[in-house]
């Protein structure tokens, strides 16, 4: 998804979890890791459900840069937060 399309969606609903999630995918493909971490954490904050985390892990299997992102220690995985 292109950034300009994400920006249109943001105007409609900035708290939409999938917006933040796909922004993270887009940012990591542009090598903007800090933005990707921030967006993925925002998605998990909006939706700390296994569905979103499982989707992230599946996408990581297909996108090498996203797989690297999932290894970033700054990612606040819902499953780790719940276990604390």
PDB file of N, CA and C in Angstrom:
ATOM      1  N   UNK A   1       0.857  -1.177   0.000  1.00  0.00           N
ATOM      2  CA  UNK A   1       0.000   0.000   0.000  1.00  0.00           C
ATOM      3  C   UNK A   1       0.899   1.234   0.000  1.00  0.00           C
ATOM      4  N   UNK A   2       0.596   2.169  -0.855  1.00  0.00           N
ATOM      5  CA  UNK A   2       1.405   3.372  -0.955  1.00  0.00           C
ATOM      6  C   UNK A   2       1.099   4.321   0.203  1.00  0.00           C
ATOM      7  N   UNK A   3       2.125   5.101   0.549  1.00  0.00           N
ATOM      8  CA  UNK A   3       1.980   6.052   1.657  1.00  0.00           C
ATOM      9  C   UNK A   3       0.838   7.028   1.406  1.00  0.00           C
ATOM     10  N   UNK A   4       0.681   7.517   0.183  1.00  0.00           N
ATOM     11  CA  UNK A   4      -0.388   8.500  -0.070  1.00  0.00           C
ATOM     12  C   UNK A   4      -1.767   7.897   0.190  1.00  0.00           C
ATOM     13  N   UNK A   5      -1.939   6.600  -0.113  1.00  0.00           N
ATOM     14  CA  UNK A   5      -3.213   5.945   0.185  1.00  0.00           C
ATOM     15  C   UNK A   5      -3.401   5.787   1.687  1.00  0.00           C
ATOM     16  N   UNK A   6      -2.308   5.511   2.389  1.00  0.00           N
ATOM     17  CA  UNK A   6      -2.395   5.408   3.844  1.00  0.00           C
ATOM     18  C   UNK A   6      -2.749   6.754   4.459  1.00  0.00           C
ATOM     19  N   UNK A   7      -2.231   7.824   3.885  1.00  0.00           N
ATOM     20  CA  UNK A   7      -2.531   9.150   4.407  1.00  0.00           C
ATOM     21  C   UNK A   7      -4.014   9.488   4.219  1.00  0.00           C
ATOM     22  N   UNK A   8      -4.598   9.048   3.107  1.00  0.00           N
ATOM     23  CA  UNK A   8      -6.031   9.262   2.898  1.00  0.00           C
ATOM     24  C   UNK A   8      -6.832   8.511   3.961  1.00  0.00           C
ATOM     25  N   UNK A   9      -6.423   7.279   4.219  1.00  0.00           N
ATOM     26  CA  UNK A   9      -7.099   6.486   5.234  1.00  0.00           C
ATOM     27  C   UNK A   9      -6.940   7.119   6.609  1.00  0.00           C
ATOM     28  N   UNK A  10      -5.764   7.674   6.868  1.00  0.00           N
ATOM     29  CA  UNK A  10      -5.518   8.317   8.165  1.00  0.00           C
ATOM     30  C   UNK A  10      -6.491   9.461   8.403  1.00  0.00           C
ATOM     31  N   UNK A  11      -6.819  10.201   7.352  1.00  0.00           N
ATOM     32  CA  UNK A  11      -7.774  11.303   7.498  1.00  0.00           C
ATOM     33  C   UNK A  11      -9.162  10.783   7.869  1.00  0.00           C
ATOM     34  N   UNK A  12      -9.483   9.588   7.402  1.00  0.00           N
ATOM     35  CA  UNK A  12     -10.791   9.003   7.697  1.00  0.00           C
ATOM     36  C   UNK A  12     -10.838   8.464   9.121  1.00  0.00           C
ATOM     37  N   UNK A  13      -9.793   7.724   9.507  1.00  0.00           N
ATOM     38  CA  UNK A  13      -9.789   7.109  10.840  1.00  0.00           C
ATOM     39  C   UNK A  13      -8.355   6.849  11.275  1.00  0.00           C
ATOM     40  N   UNK A  14      -7.769   7.758  11.999  1.00  0.00           N
ATOM     41  CA  UNK A  14      -6.371   7.660  12.421  1.00  0.00           C
ATOM     42  C   UNK A  14      -6.153   6.590  13.486  1.00  0.00           C
ATOM     43  N   UNK A  15      -7.211   6.145  14.131  1.00  0.00           N
ATOM     44  CA  UNK A  15      -7.047   5.137  15.171  1.00  0.00           C
ATOM     45  C   UNK A  15      -7.288   3.721  14.647  1.00  0.00           C
ATOM     46  N   UNK A  16      -7.363   3.574  13.377  1.00  0.00           N
ATOM     47  CA  UNK A  16      -7.585   2.272  12.755  1.00  0.00           C
ATOM     48  C   UNK A  16      -6.318   1.428  12.872  1.00  0.00           C
ATOM     49  N   UNK A  17      -6.392   0.286  13.539  1.00  0.00           N
ATOM     50  CA  UNK A  17      -5.195  -0.529  13.812  1.00  0.00           C
ATOM     51  C   UNK A  17      -4.491  -0.985  12.553  1.00  0.00           C
ATOM     52  N   UNK A  18      -5.254  -1.322  11.519  1.00  0.00           N
ATOM     53  CA  UNK A  18      -4.623  -1.814  10.291  1.00  0.00           C
ATOM     54  C   UNK A  18      -3.872  -0.708   9.576  1.00  0.00           C
ATOM     55  N   UNK A  19      -4.308   0.527   9.739  1.00  0.00           N
ATOM     56  CA  UNK A  19      -3.570   1.655   9.158  1.00  0.00           C
ATOM     57  C   UNK A  19      -2.159   1.680   9.735  1.00  0.00           C
ATOM     58  N   UNK A  20      -2.067   1.625  11.037  1.00  0.00           N
ATOM     59  CA  UNK A  20      -0.748   1.640  11.678  1.00  0.00           C
ATOM     60  C   UNK A  20       0.064   0.418  11.296  1.00  0.00           C
ATOM     61  N   UNK A  21      -0.586  -0.707  11.197  1.00  0.00           N
ATOM     62  CA  UNK A  21       0.108  -1.942  10.830  1.00  0.00           C
ATOM     63  C   UNK A  21       0.707  -1.842   9.425  1.00  0.00           C
ATOM     64  N   UNK A  22      -0.088  -1.457   8.454  1.00  0.00           N
ATOM     65  CA  UNK A  22       0.410  -1.386   7.074  1.00  0.00           C
ATOM     66  C   UNK A  22       1.396  -0.242   6.887  1.00  0.00           C
ATOM     67  N   UNK A  23       1.272   0.780   7.686  1.00  0.00           N
ATOM     68  CA  UNK A  23       2.285   1.843   7.654  1.00  0.00           C
ATOM     69  C   UNK A  23       3.628   1.274   8.097  1.00  0.00           C
ATOM     70  N   UNK A  24       3.621   0.412   9.092  1.00  0.00           N
ATOM     71  CA  UNK A  24       4.866  -0.215   9.550  1.00  0.00           C
ATOM     72  C   UNK A  24       5.500  -1.029   8.427  1.00  0.00           C
ATOM     73  N   UNK A  25       4.680  -1.778   7.710  1.00  0.00           N
ATOM     74  CA  UNK A  25       5.182  -2.567   6.574  1.00  0.00           C
ATOM     75  C   UNK A  25       5.779  -1.642   5.523  1.00  0.00           C
ATOM     76  N   UNK A  26       5.085  -0.577   5.227  1.00  0.00           N
ATOM     77  CA  UNK A  26       5.571   0.376   4.230  1.00  0.00           C
ATOM     78  C   UNK A  26       6.858   1.062   4.676  1.00  0.00           C
ATOM     79  N   UNK A  27       6.890   1.496   5.922  1.00  0.00           N
ATOM     80  CA  UNK A  27       8.079   2.184   6.439  1.00  0.00           C
ATOM     81  C   UNK A  27       9.316   1.284   6.423  1.00  0.00           C
ATOM     82  N   UNK A  28       9.157   0.025   6.796  1.00  0.00           N
ATOM     83  CA  UNK A  28      10.330  -0.842   6.849  1.00  0.00           C
ATOM     84  C   UNK A  28      10.857  -1.115   5.448  1.00  0.00           C
ATOM     85  N   UNK A  29       9.983  -1.129   4.468  1.00  0.00           N
ATOM     86  CA  UNK A  29      10.440  -1.319   3.091  1.00  0.00           C
ATOM     87  C   UNK A  29      11.166  -0.082   2.573  1.00  0.00           C
ATOM     88  N   UNK A  30      10.945   1.054   3.226  1.00  0.00           N
ATOM     89  CA  UNK A  30      11.646   2.291   2.873  1.00  0.00           C
ATOM     90  C   UNK A  30      12.864   2.509   3.770  1.00  0.00           C
ATOM     91  N   UNK A  31      13.185   1.514   4.573  1.00  0.00           N
ATOM     92  CA  UNK A  31      14.323   1.571   5.498  1.00  0.00           C
ATOM     93  C   UNK A  31      14.202   2.681   6.536  1.00  0.00           C
ATOM     94  N   UNK A  32      13.000   2.966   6.961  1.00  0.00           N
ATOM     95  CA  UNK A  32      12.784   3.930   8.044  1.00  0.00           C
ATOM     96  C   UNK A  32      12.325   3.139   9.277  1.00  0.00           C
ATOM     97  N   UNK A  33      13.291   2.493   9.899  1.00  0.00           N
ATOM     98  CA  UNK A  33      13.026   1.567  10.993  1.00  0.00           C
ATOM     99  C   UNK A  33      12.339   2.228  12.183  1.00  0.00           C
ATOM    100  N   UNK A  34      12.772   3.418  12.560  1.00  0.00           N
ATOM    101  CA  UNK A  34      12.157   4.085  13.718  1.00  0.00           C
ATOM    102  C   UNK A  34      10.666   4.297  13.492  1.00  0.00           C
ATOM    103  N   UNK A  35      10.299   4.739  12.303  1.00  0.00           N
ATOM    104  CA  UNK A  35       8.883   4.944  11.988  1.00  0.00           C
ATOM    105  C   UNK A  35       8.135   3.618  11.963  1.00  0.00           C
ATOM    106  N   UNK A  36       8.790   2.580  11.453  1.00  0.00           N
ATOM    107  CA  UNK A  36       8.163   1.261  11.397  1.00  0.00           C
ATOM    108  C   UNK A  36       7.893   0.730  12.799  1.00  0.00           C
ATOM    109  N   UNK A  37       8.858   0.874  13.686  1.00  0.00           N
ATOM    110  CA  UNK A  37       8.686   0.437  15.083  1.00  0.00           C
ATOM    111  C   UNK A  37       7.536   1.203  15.728  1.00  0.00           C
ATOM    112  N   UNK A  38       7.533   2.499  15.548  1.00  0.00           N
ATOM    113  CA  UNK A  38       6.474   3.338  16.125  1.00  0.00           C
ATOM    114  C   UNK A  38       5.097   2.925  15.607  1.00  0.00           C
ATOM    115  N   UNK A  39       4.995   2.687  14.314  1.00  0.00           N
ATOM    116  CA  UNK A  39       3.708   2.313  13.721  1.00  0.00           C
ATOM    117  C   UNK A  39       3.248   0.936  14.177  1.00  0.00           C
ATOM    118  N   UNK A  40       4.166  -0.014  14.230  1.00  0.00           N
ATOM    119  CA  UNK A  40       3.780  -1.350  14.659  1.00  0.00           C
ATOM    120  C   UNK A  40       3.365  -1.346  16.132  1.00  0.00           C
ATOM    121  N   UNK A  41       4.084  -0.618  16.951  1.00  0.00           N
ATOM    122  CA  UNK A  41       3.698  -0.502  18.361  1.00  0.00           C
ATOM    123  C   UNK A  41       2.340   0.171  18.517  1.00  0.00           C
ATOM    124  N   UNK A  42       2.064   1.152  17.690  1.00  0.00           N
ATOM    125  CA  UNK A  42       0.759   1.831  17.724  1.00  0.00           C
ATOM    126  C   UNK A  42      -0.346   0.840  17.360  1.00  0.00           C
ATOM    127  N   UNK A  43      -0.107   0.027  16.344  1.00  0.00           N
ATOM    128  CA  UNK A  43      -1.098  -0.977  15.947  1.00  0.00           C
ATOM    129  C   UNK A  43      -1.379  -1.935  17.098  1.00  0.00           C
ATOM    130  N   UNK A  44      -0.321  -2.388  17.775  1.00  0.00           N
ATOM    131  CA  UNK A  44      -0.502  -3.300  18.897  1.00  0.00           C
ATOM    132  C   UNK A  44      -1.169  -2.613  20.084  1.00  0.00           C
ATOM    133  N   UNK A  45      -0.916  -1.344  20.244  1.00  0.00           N
ATOM    134  CA  UNK A  45      -1.574  -0.582  21.319  1.00  0.00           C
ATOM    135  C   UNK A  45      -3.076  -0.491  21.049  1.00  0.00           C
ATOM    136  N   UNK A  46      -3.429  -0.269  19.791  1.00  0.00           N
ATOM    137  CA  UNK A  46      -4.835  -0.155  19.414  1.00  0.00           C
ATOM    138  C   UNK A  46      -5.554  -1.502  19.443  1.00  0.00           C
ATOM    139  N   UNK A  47      -4.787  -2.552  19.184  1.00  0.00           N
ATOM    140  CA  UNK A  47      -5.389  -3.880  19.121  1.00  0.00           C
ATOM    141  C   UNK A  47      -4.418  -4.917  19.669  1.00  0.00           C
ATOM    142  N   UNK A  48      -4.399  -5.111  20.981  1.00  0.00           N
ATOM    143  CA  UNK A  48      -3.476  -6.082  21.569  1.00  0.00           C
ATOM    144  C   UNK A  48      -4.004  -7.517  21.482  1.00  0.00           C
ATOM    145  N   UNK A  49      -4.545  -7.863  20.342  1.00  0.00           N
ATOM    146  CA  UNK A  49      -5.136  -9.183  20.136  1.00  0.00           C
ATOM    147  C   UNK A  49      -4.188 -10.085  19.356  1.00  0.00           C
ATOM    148  N   UNK A  50      -4.292 -11.394  19.544  1.00  0.00           N
ATOM    149  CA  UNK A  50      -3.424 -12.330  18.821  1.00  0.00           C
ATOM    150  C   UNK A  50      -3.546 -12.242  17.302  1.00  0.00           C
ATOM    151  N   UNK A  51      -4.708 -11.857  16.809  1.00  0.00           N
ATOM    152  CA  UNK A  51      -4.934 -11.769  15.357  1.00  0.00           C
ATOM    153  C   UNK A  51      -3.896 -10.880  14.675  1.00  0.00           C
ATOM    154  N   UNK A  52      -3.665  -9.720  15.221  1.00  0.00           N
ATOM    155  CA  UNK A  52      -2.734  -8.772  14.620  1.00  0.00           C
ATOM    156  C   UNK A  52      -1.291  -9.262  14.753  1.00  0.00           C
ATOM    157  N   UNK A  53      -0.965  -9.806  15.889  1.00  0.00           N
ATOM    158  CA  UNK A  53       0.380 -10.337  16.097  1.00  0.00           C
ATOM    159  C   UNK A  53       0.645 -11.517  15.158  1.00  0.00           C
ATOM    160  N   UNK A  54      -0.325 -12.395  15.000  1.00  0.00           N
ATOM    161  CA  UNK A  54      -0.176 -13.530  14.088  1.00  0.00           C
ATOM    162  C   UNK A  54       0.012 -13.068  12.648  1.00  0.00           C
ATOM    163  N   UNK A  55      -0.715 -12.043  12.272  1.00  0.00           N
ATOM    164  CA  UNK A  55      -0.577 -11.487  10.927  1.00  0.00           C
ATOM    165  C   UNK A  55       0.838 -10.944  10.722  1.00  0.00           C
ATOM    166  N   UNK A  56       1.354 -10.256  11.716  1.00  0.00           N
ATOM    167  CA  UNK A  56       2.713  -9.704  11.620  1.00  0.00           C
ATOM    168  C   UNK A  56       3.728 -10.820  11.426  1.00  0.00           C
ATOM    169  N   UNK A  57       3.554 -11.892  12.153  1.00  0.00           N
ATOM    170  CA  UNK A  57       4.504 -13.006  12.043  1.00  0.00           C
ATOM    171  C   UNK A  57       4.399 -13.702  10.684  1.00  0.00           C
ATOM    172  N   UNK A  58       3.199 -13.788  10.132  1.00  0.00           N
ATOM    173  CA  UNK A  58       3.022 -14.398   8.803  1.00  0.00           C
ATOM    174  C   UNK A  58       3.651 -13.527   7.723  1.00  0.00           C
ATOM    175  N   UNK A  59       3.460 -12.233   7.827  1.00  0.00           N
ATOM    176  CA  UNK A  59       4.042 -11.322   6.844  1.00  0.00           C
ATOM    177  C   UNK A  59       5.561 -11.368   6.932  1.00  0.00           C
ATOM    178  N   UNK A  60       6.077 -11.524   8.130  1.00  0.00           N
ATOM    179  CA  UNK A  60       7.532 -11.601   8.317  1.00  0.00           C
ATOM    180  C   UNK A  60       8.128 -12.799   7.578  1.00  0.00           C
ATOM    181  N   UNK A  61       7.335 -13.844   7.403  1.00  0.00           N
ATOM    182  CA  UNK A  61       7.810 -15.010   6.659  1.00  0.00           C
ATOM    183  C   UNK A  61       8.011 -14.707   5.174  1.00  0.00           C
ATOM    184  N   UNK A  62       7.354 -13.658   4.687  1.00  0.00           N
ATOM    185  CA  UNK A  62       7.389 -13.345   3.258  1.00  0.00           C
ATOM    186  C   UNK A  62       8.140 -12.074   2.904  1.00  0.00           C
ATOM    187  N   UNK A  63       8.390 -11.226   3.883  1.00  0.00           N
ATOM    188  CA  UNK A  63       9.082  -9.958   3.626  1.00  0.00           C
ATOM    189  C   UNK A  63      10.309  -9.892   4.527  1.00  0.00           C
ATOM    190  N   UNK A  64      11.492 -10.123   3.965  1.00  0.00           N
ATOM    191  CA  UNK A  64      12.721 -10.169   4.784  1.00  0.00           C
ATOM    192  C   UNK A  64      12.940  -8.940   5.667  1.00  0.00           C
ATOM    193  N   UNK A  65      12.696  -7.753   5.147  1.00  0.00           N
ATOM    194  CA  UNK A  65      12.912  -6.548   5.953  1.00  0.00           C
ATOM    195  C   UNK A  65      11.937  -6.503   7.131  1.00  0.00           C
ATOM    196  N   UNK A  66      10.718  -6.971   6.901  1.00  0.00           N
ATOM    197  CA  UNK A  66       9.739  -6.992   7.990  1.00  0.00           C
ATOM    198  C   UNK A  66      10.135  -8.045   9.021  1.00  0.00           C
ATOM    199  N   UNK A  67      10.721  -9.127   8.567  1.00  0.00           N
ATOM    200  CA  UNK A  67      11.201 -10.152   9.504  1.00  0.00           C
ATOM    201  C   UNK A  67      12.266  -9.558  10.421  1.00  0.00           C
ATOM    202  N   UNK A  68      13.153  -8.748   9.848  1.00  0.00           N
ATOM    203  CA  UNK A  68      14.156  -8.065  10.668  1.00  0.00           C
ATOM    204  C   UNK A  68      13.490  -7.141  11.679  1.00  0.00           C
ATOM    205  N   UNK A  69      12.437  -6.465  11.251  1.00  0.00           N
ATOM    206  CA  UNK A  69      11.710  -5.569  12.156  1.00  0.00           C
ATOM    207  C   UNK A  69      11.126  -6.344  13.333  1.00  0.00           C
ATOM    208  N   UNK A  70      10.602  -7.529  13.072  1.00  0.00           N
ATOM    209  CA  UNK A  70       9.978  -8.298  14.154  1.00  0.00           C
ATOM    210  C   UNK A  70      10.994  -8.732  15.208  1.00  0.00           C
ATOM    211  N   UNK A  71      12.271  -8.684  14.874  1.00  0.00           N
ATOM    212  CA  UNK A  71      13.325  -9.030  15.829  1.00  0.00           C
ATOM    213  C   UNK A  71      13.795  -7.820  16.644  1.00  0.00           C
ATOM    214  N   UNK A  72      13.281  -6.644  16.307  1.00  0.00           N
ATOM    215  CA  UNK A  72      13.681  -5.418  16.989  1.00  0.00           C
ATOM    216  C   UNK A  72      13.205  -5.455  18.452  1.00  0.00           C
ATOM    217  N   UNK A  73      14.097  -5.249  19.404  1.00  0.00           N
ATOM    218  CA  UNK A  73      13.713  -5.320  20.828  1.00  0.00           C
ATOM    219  C   UNK A  73      12.767  -4.197  21.266  1.00  0.00           C
ATOM    220  N   UNK A  74      12.591  -3.186  20.432  1.00  0.00           N
ATOM    221  CA  UNK A  74      11.690  -2.084  20.788  1.00  0.00           C
ATOM    222  C   UNK A  74      10.230  -2.382  20.443  1.00  0.00           C
ATOM    223  N   UNK A  75       9.981  -3.509  19.782  1.00  0.00           N
ATOM    224  CA  UNK A  75       8.603  -3.875  19.451  1.00  0.00           C
ATOM    225  C   UNK A  75       7.925  -4.387  20.724  1.00  0.00           C
ATOM    226  N   UNK A  76       6.777  -3.819  21.021  1.00  0.00           N
ATOM    227  CA  UNK A  76       5.989  -4.201  22.204  1.00  0.00           C
ATOM    228  C   UNK A  76       4.943  -5.242  21.806  1.00  0.00           C
ATOM    229  N   UNK A  77       5.406  -6.484  21.689  1.00  0.00           N
ATOM    230  CA  UNK A  77       4.501  -7.574  21.306  1.00  0.00           C
ATOM    231  C   UNK A  77       3.441  -7.776  22.387  1.00  0.00           C
ATOM    232  N   UNK A  78       2.179  -7.823  21.992  1.00  0.00           N
ATOM    233  CA  UNK A  78       1.109  -8.023  22.980  1.00  0.00           C
ATOM    234  C   UNK A  78       1.301  -9.293  23.810  1.00  0.00           C
ATOM    235  N   UNK A  79       1.772 -10.360  23.190  1.00  0.00           N
ATOM    236  CA  UNK A  79       1.935 -11.613  23.929  1.00  0.00           C
ATOM    237  C   UNK A  79       2.983 -11.491  25.032  1.00  0.00           C
ATOM    238  N   UNK A  80       3.985 -10.661  24.846  1.00  0.00           N
ATOM    239  CA  UNK A  80       5.000 -10.459  25.879  1.00  0.00           C
ATOM    240  C   UNK A  80       4.469  -9.578  26.998  1.00  0.00           C
ATOM    241  N   UNK A  81       3.666  -8.607  26.643  1.00  0.00           N
ATOM    242  CA  UNK A  81       3.093  -7.694  27.648  1.00  0.00           C
ATOM    243  C   UNK A  81       2.098  -8.440  28.535  1.00  0.00           C
ATOM    244  N   UNK A  82       1.295  -9.287  27.927  1.00  0.00           N
ATOM    245  CA  UNK A  82       0.267 -10.032  28.673  1.00  0.00           C
ATOM    246  C   UNK A  82       0.912 -11.001  29.655  1.00  0.00           C
ATOM    247  N   UNK A  83       2.053 -11.570  29.286  1.00  0.00           N
ATOM    248  CA  UNK A  83       2.731 -12.557  30.128  1.00  0.00           C
ATOM    249  C   UNK A  83       3.355 -11.945  31.369  1.00  0.00           C
ATOM    250  N   UNK A  84       3.629 -10.647  31.355  1.00  0.00           N
ATOM    251  CA  UNK A  84       4.305  -9.996  32.498  1.00  0.00           C
ATOM    252  C   UNK A  84       3.458 -10.002  33.736  1.00  0.00           C
TER     253      UNK A  84
END
